[in-house]
Amino acid sequence: MRFAVLPIVLTLMLSVATRAADKPKLTLKASPTMAFSPARVVVNADLAGGGNDQQLYCLAVEWEWGDGTRSEDAPDCEPFDAAKSEIKRHFIADHTFRMEEPNTGSAGQQPDYRDVHIQLRLKKNGKVVVSGGTTVKIKPEMN
């Protein structure tokens, strides 16, 4: 009896590990990671893991730029066909950050860099399937 329990436990552990490995993960890389305003930043995102099934097919894309603006794209896709449909796994977008440092009256004082968090959310039927983020540093212009 003791030996019969071991295969069941191992099967459960492998099943949980497989599901964790299959969980989709989004990795973002921004270029440049530091810039002076106005700054054009290009962000590349790669989707790894997850299945090649309907869960990741035809996802809506939402970029939140960290400066109070966002971009959205809801694709118009053909119905899912396991033999033909491709899962999009690479996303790219660019954004121009325009930040100004208010004149505080301190002559010659340079503004500090600001951390700006960029977030990408991939959605299915309005619900987030996977998200990821990265941070860039933008130095505001002097007023």
N, C-alpha and C. Protein backbone atom coordinates (compact mmCIF):
# COMPACT_ATOMS: atom_id res chain seq x y z
N MET A 1 0.82 -1.20 0.00
CA MET A 1 0.00 0.00 0.00
C MET A 1 0.86 1.25 0.00
N ARG A 2 1.93 1.24 0.74
CA ARG A 2 2.81 2.40 0.84
C ARG A 2 3.38 2.76 -0.54
N PHE A 3 3.71 1.78 -1.37
CA PHE A 3 4.30 2.02 -2.68
C PHE A 3 3.27 2.53 -3.69
N ALA A 4 2.01 2.24 -3.52
CA ALA A 4 0.96 2.69 -4.43
C ALA A 4 0.73 4.19 -4.30
N VAL A 5 1.00 4.77 -3.15
CA VAL A 5 0.80 6.19 -2.93
C VAL A 5 1.87 7.02 -3.64
N LEU A 6 3.09 6.51 -3.71
CA LEU A 6 4.20 7.24 -4.31
C LEU A 6 3.95 7.62 -5.77
N PRO A 7 3.49 6.71 -6.65
CA PRO A 7 3.23 7.11 -8.03
C PRO A 7 2.14 8.18 -8.15
N ILE A 8 1.14 8.12 -7.29
CA ILE A 8 0.07 9.12 -7.33
C ILE A 8 0.62 10.48 -6.95
N VAL A 9 1.44 10.55 -5.92
CA VAL A 9 2.04 11.81 -5.50
C VAL A 9 2.95 12.36 -6.60
N LEU A 10 3.78 11.51 -7.20
CA LEU A 10 4.67 11.95 -8.29
C LEU A 10 3.87 12.45 -9.48
N THR A 11 2.80 11.78 -9.83
CA THR A 11 1.94 12.21 -10.94
C THR A 11 1.35 13.58 -10.66
N LEU A 12 0.88 13.81 -9.45
CA LEU A 12 0.32 15.11 -9.09
C LEU A 12 1.38 16.20 -9.15
N MET A 13 2.59 15.91 -8.67
CA MET A 13 3.67 16.90 -8.69
C MET A 13 4.05 17.25 -10.13
N LEU A 14 4.14 16.27 -11.00
CA LEU A 14 4.47 16.52 -12.40
C LEU A 14 3.37 17.30 -13.09
N SER A 15 2.12 17.00 -12.76
CA SER A 15 1.00 17.71 -13.35
C SER A 15 1.02 19.19 -12.97
N VAL A 16 1.28 19.50 -11.71
CA VAL A 16 1.35 20.89 -11.24
C VAL A 16 2.54 21.60 -11.88
N ALA A 17 3.69 20.94 -11.98
CA ALA A 17 4.88 21.54 -12.59
C ALA A 17 4.65 21.82 -14.07
N THR A 18 3.97 20.93 -14.78
CA THR A 18 3.69 21.13 -16.20
C THR A 18 2.78 22.32 -16.40
N ARG A 19 1.75 22.46 -15.57
CA ARG A 19 0.84 23.60 -15.69
C ARG A 19 1.55 24.91 -15.41
N ALA A 20 2.46 24.94 -14.44
CA ALA A 20 3.21 26.16 -14.14
C ALA A 20 4.13 26.53 -15.30
N ALA A 21 4.73 25.53 -15.95
CA ALA A 21 5.62 25.79 -17.08
C ALA A 21 4.82 26.27 -18.29
N ASP A 22 3.57 25.85 -18.42
CA ASP A 22 2.73 26.24 -19.55
C ASP A 22 2.08 27.60 -19.37
N LYS A 23 2.19 28.17 -18.19
CA LYS A 23 1.57 29.46 -17.93
C LYS A 23 2.24 30.52 -18.82
N PRO A 24 1.46 31.33 -19.54
CA PRO A 24 2.07 32.33 -20.41
C PRO A 24 2.82 33.41 -19.62
N LYS A 25 3.93 33.88 -20.20
CA LYS A 25 4.74 34.91 -19.57
C LYS A 25 5.09 35.94 -20.63
N LEU A 26 4.99 37.20 -20.25
CA LEU A 26 5.26 38.31 -21.15
C LEU A 26 6.53 39.02 -20.69
N THR A 27 7.50 39.18 -21.60
CA THR A 27 8.75 39.85 -21.30
C THR A 27 8.85 41.10 -22.16
N LEU A 28 9.08 42.26 -21.52
CA LEU A 28 9.18 43.53 -22.25
C LEU A 28 10.59 44.08 -22.18
N LYS A 29 11.02 44.67 -23.29
CA LYS A 29 12.32 45.35 -23.36
C LYS A 29 12.12 46.68 -24.05
N ALA A 30 12.57 47.74 -23.39
CA ALA A 30 12.44 49.09 -23.94
C ALA A 30 13.79 49.58 -24.44
N SER A 31 13.73 50.42 -25.47
CA SER A 31 14.94 51.02 -26.00
C SER A 31 14.61 52.45 -26.43
N PRO A 32 15.30 53.42 -25.90
CA PRO A 32 16.32 53.36 -24.86
C PRO A 32 15.67 53.20 -23.48
N THR A 33 16.49 52.85 -22.50
CA THR A 33 15.96 52.72 -21.13
C THR A 33 16.13 54.02 -20.34
N MET A 34 16.97 54.94 -20.87
CA MET A 34 17.13 56.27 -20.28
C MET A 34 17.16 57.27 -21.43
N ALA A 35 16.45 58.41 -21.26
CA ALA A 35 16.41 59.40 -22.34
C ALA A 35 16.00 60.76 -21.80
N PHE A 36 16.27 61.78 -22.62
CA PHE A 36 15.83 63.14 -22.34
C PHE A 36 14.51 63.40 -23.05
N SER A 37 13.62 64.09 -22.40
CA SER A 37 12.34 64.46 -23.01
C SER A 37 12.57 65.55 -24.05
N PRO A 38 11.88 65.51 -25.19
CA PRO A 38 10.95 64.46 -25.63
C PRO A 38 11.72 63.22 -26.04
N ALA A 39 11.20 62.06 -25.65
CA ALA A 39 11.90 60.80 -25.87
C ALA A 39 10.99 59.80 -26.57
N ARG A 40 11.46 59.28 -27.70
CA ARG A 40 10.74 58.21 -28.39
C ARG A 40 11.30 56.89 -27.88
N VAL A 41 10.42 56.08 -27.29
CA VAL A 41 10.81 54.79 -26.72
C VAL A 41 10.09 53.69 -27.49
N VAL A 42 10.86 52.69 -27.91
CA VAL A 42 10.31 51.53 -28.61
C VAL A 42 10.31 50.36 -27.62
N VAL A 43 9.18 49.67 -27.52
CA VAL A 43 9.05 48.54 -26.61
C VAL A 43 8.75 47.28 -27.41
N ASN A 44 9.56 46.25 -27.19
CA ASN A 44 9.34 44.93 -27.78
C ASN A 44 8.88 44.00 -26.67
N ALA A 45 7.86 43.21 -26.97
CA ALA A 45 7.34 42.26 -25.98
C ALA A 45 7.26 40.88 -26.61
N ASP A 46 7.67 39.89 -25.86
CA ASP A 46 7.60 38.50 -26.32
C ASP A 46 6.77 37.68 -25.36
N LEU A 47 5.87 36.89 -25.94
CA LEU A 47 4.99 36.01 -25.18
C LEU A 47 5.55 34.60 -25.25
N ALA A 48 5.87 34.04 -24.10
CA ALA A 48 6.39 32.67 -24.02
C ALA A 48 5.43 31.83 -23.20
N GLY A 49 5.46 30.52 -23.42
CA GLY A 49 4.61 29.61 -22.66
C GLY A 49 3.18 29.64 -23.13
N GLY A 50 2.35 28.98 -22.40
CA GLY A 50 0.96 28.89 -22.80
C GLY A 50 0.82 27.94 -23.97
N GLY A 51 -0.36 27.53 -24.25
CA GLY A 51 -0.58 26.61 -25.36
C GLY A 51 -0.77 27.34 -26.67
N ASN A 52 -0.87 26.58 -27.72
CA ASN A 52 -1.18 27.14 -29.04
C ASN A 52 -2.66 26.90 -29.32
N ASP A 53 -3.48 27.31 -28.38
CA ASP A 53 -4.91 27.08 -28.51
C ASP A 53 -5.68 28.39 -28.42
N GLN A 54 -6.95 28.29 -28.28
CA GLN A 54 -7.82 29.47 -28.28
C GLN A 54 -7.54 30.44 -27.14
N GLN A 55 -6.96 29.98 -26.05
CA GLN A 55 -6.71 30.86 -24.89
C GLN A 55 -5.86 32.06 -25.30
N LEU A 56 -4.87 31.86 -26.17
CA LEU A 56 -3.96 32.94 -26.55
C LEU A 56 -4.20 33.45 -27.97
N TYR A 57 -5.27 33.00 -28.60
CA TYR A 57 -5.56 33.41 -29.97
C TYR A 57 -6.34 34.72 -29.99
N CYS A 58 -5.91 35.62 -30.85
CA CYS A 58 -6.65 36.86 -31.13
C CYS A 58 -6.86 37.71 -29.86
N LEU A 59 -5.75 38.02 -29.19
CA LEU A 59 -5.83 38.79 -27.96
C LEU A 59 -5.86 40.29 -28.24
N ALA A 60 -6.64 40.99 -27.47
CA ALA A 60 -6.63 42.45 -27.52
C ALA A 60 -5.37 42.93 -26.80
N VAL A 61 -4.82 44.03 -27.28
CA VAL A 61 -3.56 44.55 -26.76
C VAL A 61 -3.81 45.92 -26.12
N GLU A 62 -3.35 46.09 -24.88
CA GLU A 62 -3.48 47.37 -24.18
C GLU A 62 -2.13 47.77 -23.62
N TRP A 63 -1.61 48.90 -24.12
CA TRP A 63 -0.37 49.48 -23.59
C TRP A 63 -0.74 50.61 -22.65
N GLU A 64 -0.21 50.60 -21.46
CA GLU A 64 -0.36 51.72 -20.53
C GLU A 64 1.03 52.32 -20.39
N TRP A 65 1.15 53.59 -20.78
CA TRP A 65 2.47 54.20 -20.96
C TRP A 65 3.06 54.83 -19.70
N GLY A 66 2.32 54.90 -18.64
CA GLY A 66 2.88 55.42 -17.39
C GLY A 66 2.91 56.93 -17.30
N ASP A 67 2.41 57.60 -18.33
CA ASP A 67 2.34 59.06 -18.31
C ASP A 67 0.89 59.54 -18.40
N GLY A 68 -0.03 58.63 -18.07
CA GLY A 68 -1.45 58.98 -18.11
C GLY A 68 -2.11 58.65 -19.44
N THR A 69 -1.36 58.09 -20.40
CA THR A 69 -1.95 57.74 -21.69
C THR A 69 -1.90 56.22 -21.87
N ARG A 70 -2.75 55.74 -22.77
CA ARG A 70 -2.76 54.32 -23.11
C ARG A 70 -3.13 54.14 -24.57
N SER A 71 -2.75 53.01 -25.12
CA SER A 71 -3.07 52.63 -26.49
C SER A 71 -3.73 51.26 -26.45
N GLU A 72 -4.75 51.08 -27.29
CA GLU A 72 -5.44 49.80 -27.32
C GLU A 72 -5.63 49.35 -28.76
N ASP A 73 -5.61 48.03 -28.96
CA ASP A 73 -5.86 47.45 -30.27
C ASP A 73 -6.64 46.16 -30.07
N ALA A 74 -7.81 46.10 -30.67
CA ALA A 74 -8.63 44.88 -30.61
C ALA A 74 -8.67 44.31 -32.02
N PRO A 75 -7.92 43.25 -32.28
CA PRO A 75 -7.85 42.71 -33.64
C PRO A 75 -9.14 42.06 -34.09
N ASP A 76 -9.33 42.03 -35.39
CA ASP A 76 -10.47 41.36 -36.01
C ASP A 76 -9.93 40.07 -36.61
N CYS A 77 -10.22 38.94 -35.99
CA CYS A 77 -9.62 37.67 -36.39
C CYS A 77 -10.65 36.70 -36.94
N GLU A 78 -10.14 35.82 -37.79
CA GLU A 78 -10.95 34.71 -38.29
C GLU A 78 -11.25 33.77 -37.12
N PRO A 79 -12.30 32.96 -37.22
CA PRO A 79 -12.54 31.97 -36.16
C PRO A 79 -11.33 31.05 -35.99
N PHE A 80 -11.12 30.60 -34.77
CA PHE A 80 -9.96 29.76 -34.46
C PHE A 80 -10.04 28.44 -35.20
N ASP A 81 -8.93 28.06 -35.84
CA ASP A 81 -8.78 26.77 -36.51
C ASP A 81 -7.44 26.20 -36.06
N ALA A 82 -7.46 25.12 -35.28
CA ALA A 82 -6.24 24.57 -34.70
C ALA A 82 -5.19 24.25 -35.76
N ALA A 83 -5.61 23.92 -36.98
CA ALA A 83 -4.67 23.57 -38.04
C ALA A 83 -4.05 24.80 -38.69
N LYS A 84 -4.74 25.95 -38.69
CA LYS A 84 -4.27 27.12 -39.43
C LYS A 84 -3.94 28.33 -38.57
N SER A 85 -4.65 28.54 -37.50
CA SER A 85 -4.53 29.76 -36.71
C SER A 85 -3.16 29.85 -36.03
N GLU A 86 -2.57 31.05 -36.08
CA GLU A 86 -1.29 31.29 -35.43
C GLU A 86 -1.48 32.18 -34.21
N ILE A 87 -0.74 31.86 -33.17
CA ILE A 87 -0.75 32.66 -31.95
C ILE A 87 0.30 33.75 -32.11
N LYS A 88 -0.10 35.00 -31.98
CA LYS A 88 0.86 36.11 -32.06
C LYS A 88 1.68 36.11 -30.77
N ARG A 89 3.00 36.08 -30.93
CA ARG A 89 3.88 36.00 -29.76
C ARG A 89 4.86 37.16 -29.67
N HIS A 90 4.83 38.08 -30.62
CA HIS A 90 5.73 39.24 -30.57
C HIS A 90 4.90 40.50 -30.79
N PHE A 91 5.14 41.49 -29.94
CA PHE A 91 4.40 42.75 -30.00
C PHE A 91 5.42 43.88 -29.96
N ILE A 92 5.15 44.94 -30.70
CA ILE A 92 6.06 46.08 -30.71
C ILE A 92 5.21 47.35 -30.78
N ALA A 93 5.65 48.35 -30.05
CA ALA A 93 4.97 49.65 -30.06
C ALA A 93 5.98 50.73 -29.68
N ASP A 94 5.67 51.95 -30.07
CA ASP A 94 6.53 53.06 -29.66
C ASP A 94 5.66 54.18 -29.11
N HIS A 95 6.29 54.99 -28.30
CA HIS A 95 5.59 56.09 -27.64
C HIS A 95 6.58 57.23 -27.42
N THR A 96 6.11 58.44 -27.60
CA THR A 96 6.95 59.60 -27.33
C THR A 96 6.53 60.22 -26.01
N PHE A 97 7.48 60.29 -25.11
CA PHE A 97 7.25 60.88 -23.79
C PHE A 97 7.64 62.34 -23.84
N ARG A 98 6.73 63.21 -23.44
CA ARG A 98 6.99 64.65 -23.35
C ARG A 98 6.72 65.08 -21.92
N MET A 99 7.79 65.38 -21.23
CA MET A 99 7.67 65.79 -19.83
C MET A 99 8.39 67.10 -19.65
N GLU A 100 7.77 67.99 -18.91
CA GLU A 100 8.40 69.27 -18.60
C GLU A 100 8.53 69.40 -17.10
N GLU A 101 9.65 69.96 -16.69
CA GLU A 101 9.89 70.23 -15.27
C GLU A 101 9.44 71.66 -15.02
N PRO A 102 8.51 71.87 -14.11
CA PRO A 102 8.10 73.24 -13.82
C PRO A 102 9.27 74.06 -13.27
N ASN A 103 9.32 75.31 -13.61
CA ASN A 103 10.38 76.20 -13.13
C ASN A 103 10.15 76.47 -11.65
N THR A 104 11.08 75.98 -10.84
CA THR A 104 10.92 76.12 -9.38
C THR A 104 11.64 77.34 -8.83
N GLY A 105 12.32 78.07 -9.73
CA GLY A 105 13.02 79.26 -9.28
C GLY A 105 14.45 79.02 -8.88
N SER A 106 14.89 77.77 -8.83
CA SER A 106 16.27 77.44 -8.47
C SER A 106 17.11 77.47 -9.75
N ALA A 107 17.83 78.54 -9.95
CA ALA A 107 18.61 78.71 -11.17
C ALA A 107 19.68 77.63 -11.26
N GLY A 108 19.78 77.04 -12.45
CA GLY A 108 20.81 76.06 -12.72
C GLY A 108 20.56 74.67 -12.19
N GLN A 109 19.49 74.46 -11.44
CA GLN A 109 19.21 73.14 -10.90
C GLN A 109 18.60 72.26 -12.00
N GLN A 110 19.22 71.11 -12.23
CA GLN A 110 18.76 70.19 -13.26
C GLN A 110 17.68 69.27 -12.70
N PRO A 111 16.66 68.97 -13.51
CA PRO A 111 15.62 68.05 -13.04
C PRO A 111 16.16 66.62 -12.96
N ASP A 112 15.60 65.83 -12.07
CA ASP A 112 16.00 64.44 -11.93
C ASP A 112 15.25 63.58 -12.95
N TYR A 113 15.81 62.41 -13.24
CA TYR A 113 15.12 61.45 -14.08
C TYR A 113 13.87 60.97 -13.35
N ARG A 114 12.85 60.70 -14.13
CA ARG A 114 11.61 60.14 -13.57
C ARG A 114 11.46 58.70 -14.05
N ASP A 115 11.13 57.82 -13.13
CA ASP A 115 10.84 56.43 -13.50
C ASP A 115 9.44 56.37 -14.09
N VAL A 116 9.33 55.81 -15.28
CA VAL A 116 8.04 55.67 -15.95
C VAL A 116 7.82 54.18 -16.19
N HIS A 117 6.74 53.63 -15.62
CA HIS A 117 6.44 52.20 -15.76
C HIS A 117 5.52 51.99 -16.96
N ILE A 118 5.97 51.17 -17.90
CA ILE A 118 5.19 50.81 -19.09
C ILE A 118 4.61 49.43 -18.87
N GLN A 119 3.32 49.28 -19.10
CA GLN A 119 2.63 48.02 -18.86
C GLN A 119 1.94 47.56 -20.14
N LEU A 120 2.07 46.28 -20.46
CA LEU A 120 1.33 45.67 -21.57
C LEU A 120 0.40 44.62 -21.00
N ARG A 121 -0.87 44.71 -21.40
CA ARG A 121 -1.86 43.71 -20.98
C ARG A 121 -2.44 43.07 -22.24
N LEU A 122 -2.45 41.74 -22.27
CA LEU A 122 -3.09 41.01 -23.36
C LEU A 122 -4.40 40.46 -22.80
N LYS A 123 -5.49 40.76 -23.51
CA LYS A 123 -6.81 40.44 -22.99
C LYS A 123 -7.61 39.55 -23.93
N LYS A 124 -8.46 38.76 -23.33
CA LYS A 124 -9.40 37.92 -24.06
C LYS A 124 -10.78 38.19 -23.48
N ASN A 125 -11.70 38.67 -24.29
CA ASN A 125 -13.06 38.99 -23.85
C ASN A 125 -13.05 39.95 -22.66
N GLY A 126 -12.16 40.94 -22.71
CA GLY A 126 -12.09 41.97 -21.68
C GLY A 126 -11.34 41.58 -20.42
N LYS A 127 -10.90 40.32 -20.31
CA LYS A 127 -10.18 39.86 -19.12
C LYS A 127 -8.70 39.70 -19.45
N VAL A 128 -7.84 40.13 -18.53
CA VAL A 128 -6.40 40.04 -18.73
C VAL A 128 -5.97 38.57 -18.68
N VAL A 129 -5.31 38.12 -19.75
CA VAL A 129 -4.77 36.77 -19.83
C VAL A 129 -3.34 36.75 -19.29
N VAL A 130 -2.57 37.77 -19.67
CA VAL A 130 -1.18 37.88 -19.22
C VAL A 130 -0.78 39.35 -19.31
N SER A 131 0.10 39.78 -18.42
CA SER A 131 0.58 41.15 -18.47
C SER A 131 2.05 41.17 -18.07
N GLY A 132 2.71 42.25 -18.46
CA GLY A 132 4.11 42.42 -18.11
C GLY A 132 4.45 43.89 -18.17
N GLY A 133 5.58 44.24 -17.61
CA GLY A 133 5.95 45.65 -17.58
C GLY A 133 7.45 45.85 -17.59
N THR A 134 7.83 47.08 -17.83
CA THR A 134 9.22 47.50 -17.78
C THR A 134 9.25 48.96 -17.36
N THR A 135 10.40 49.41 -16.91
CA THR A 135 10.53 50.81 -16.47
C THR A 135 11.62 51.50 -17.28
N VAL A 136 11.33 52.73 -17.68
CA VAL A 136 12.32 53.58 -18.34
C VAL A 136 12.50 54.83 -17.50
N LYS A 137 13.64 55.51 -17.69
CA LYS A 137 13.91 56.75 -16.99
C LYS A 137 13.91 57.88 -18.01
N ILE A 138 13.08 58.90 -17.74
CA ILE A 138 12.97 60.05 -18.63
C ILE A 138 13.35 61.30 -17.85
N LYS A 139 14.25 62.09 -18.43
CA LYS A 139 14.65 63.34 -17.81
C LYS A 139 13.81 64.46 -18.44
N PRO A 140 13.00 65.15 -17.63
CA PRO A 140 12.13 66.20 -18.16
C PRO A 140 12.93 67.38 -18.72
N GLU A 141 12.25 68.11 -19.62
CA GLU A 141 12.82 69.35 -20.15
C GLU A 141 12.65 70.44 -19.10
N MET A 142 13.55 71.39 -19.10
CA MET A 142 13.42 72.55 -18.21
C MET A 142 12.47 73.53 -18.86
N ASN A 143 11.62 74.13 -18.09
CA ASN A 143 10.69 75.15 -18.58
C ASN A 143 11.37 76.49 -18.66
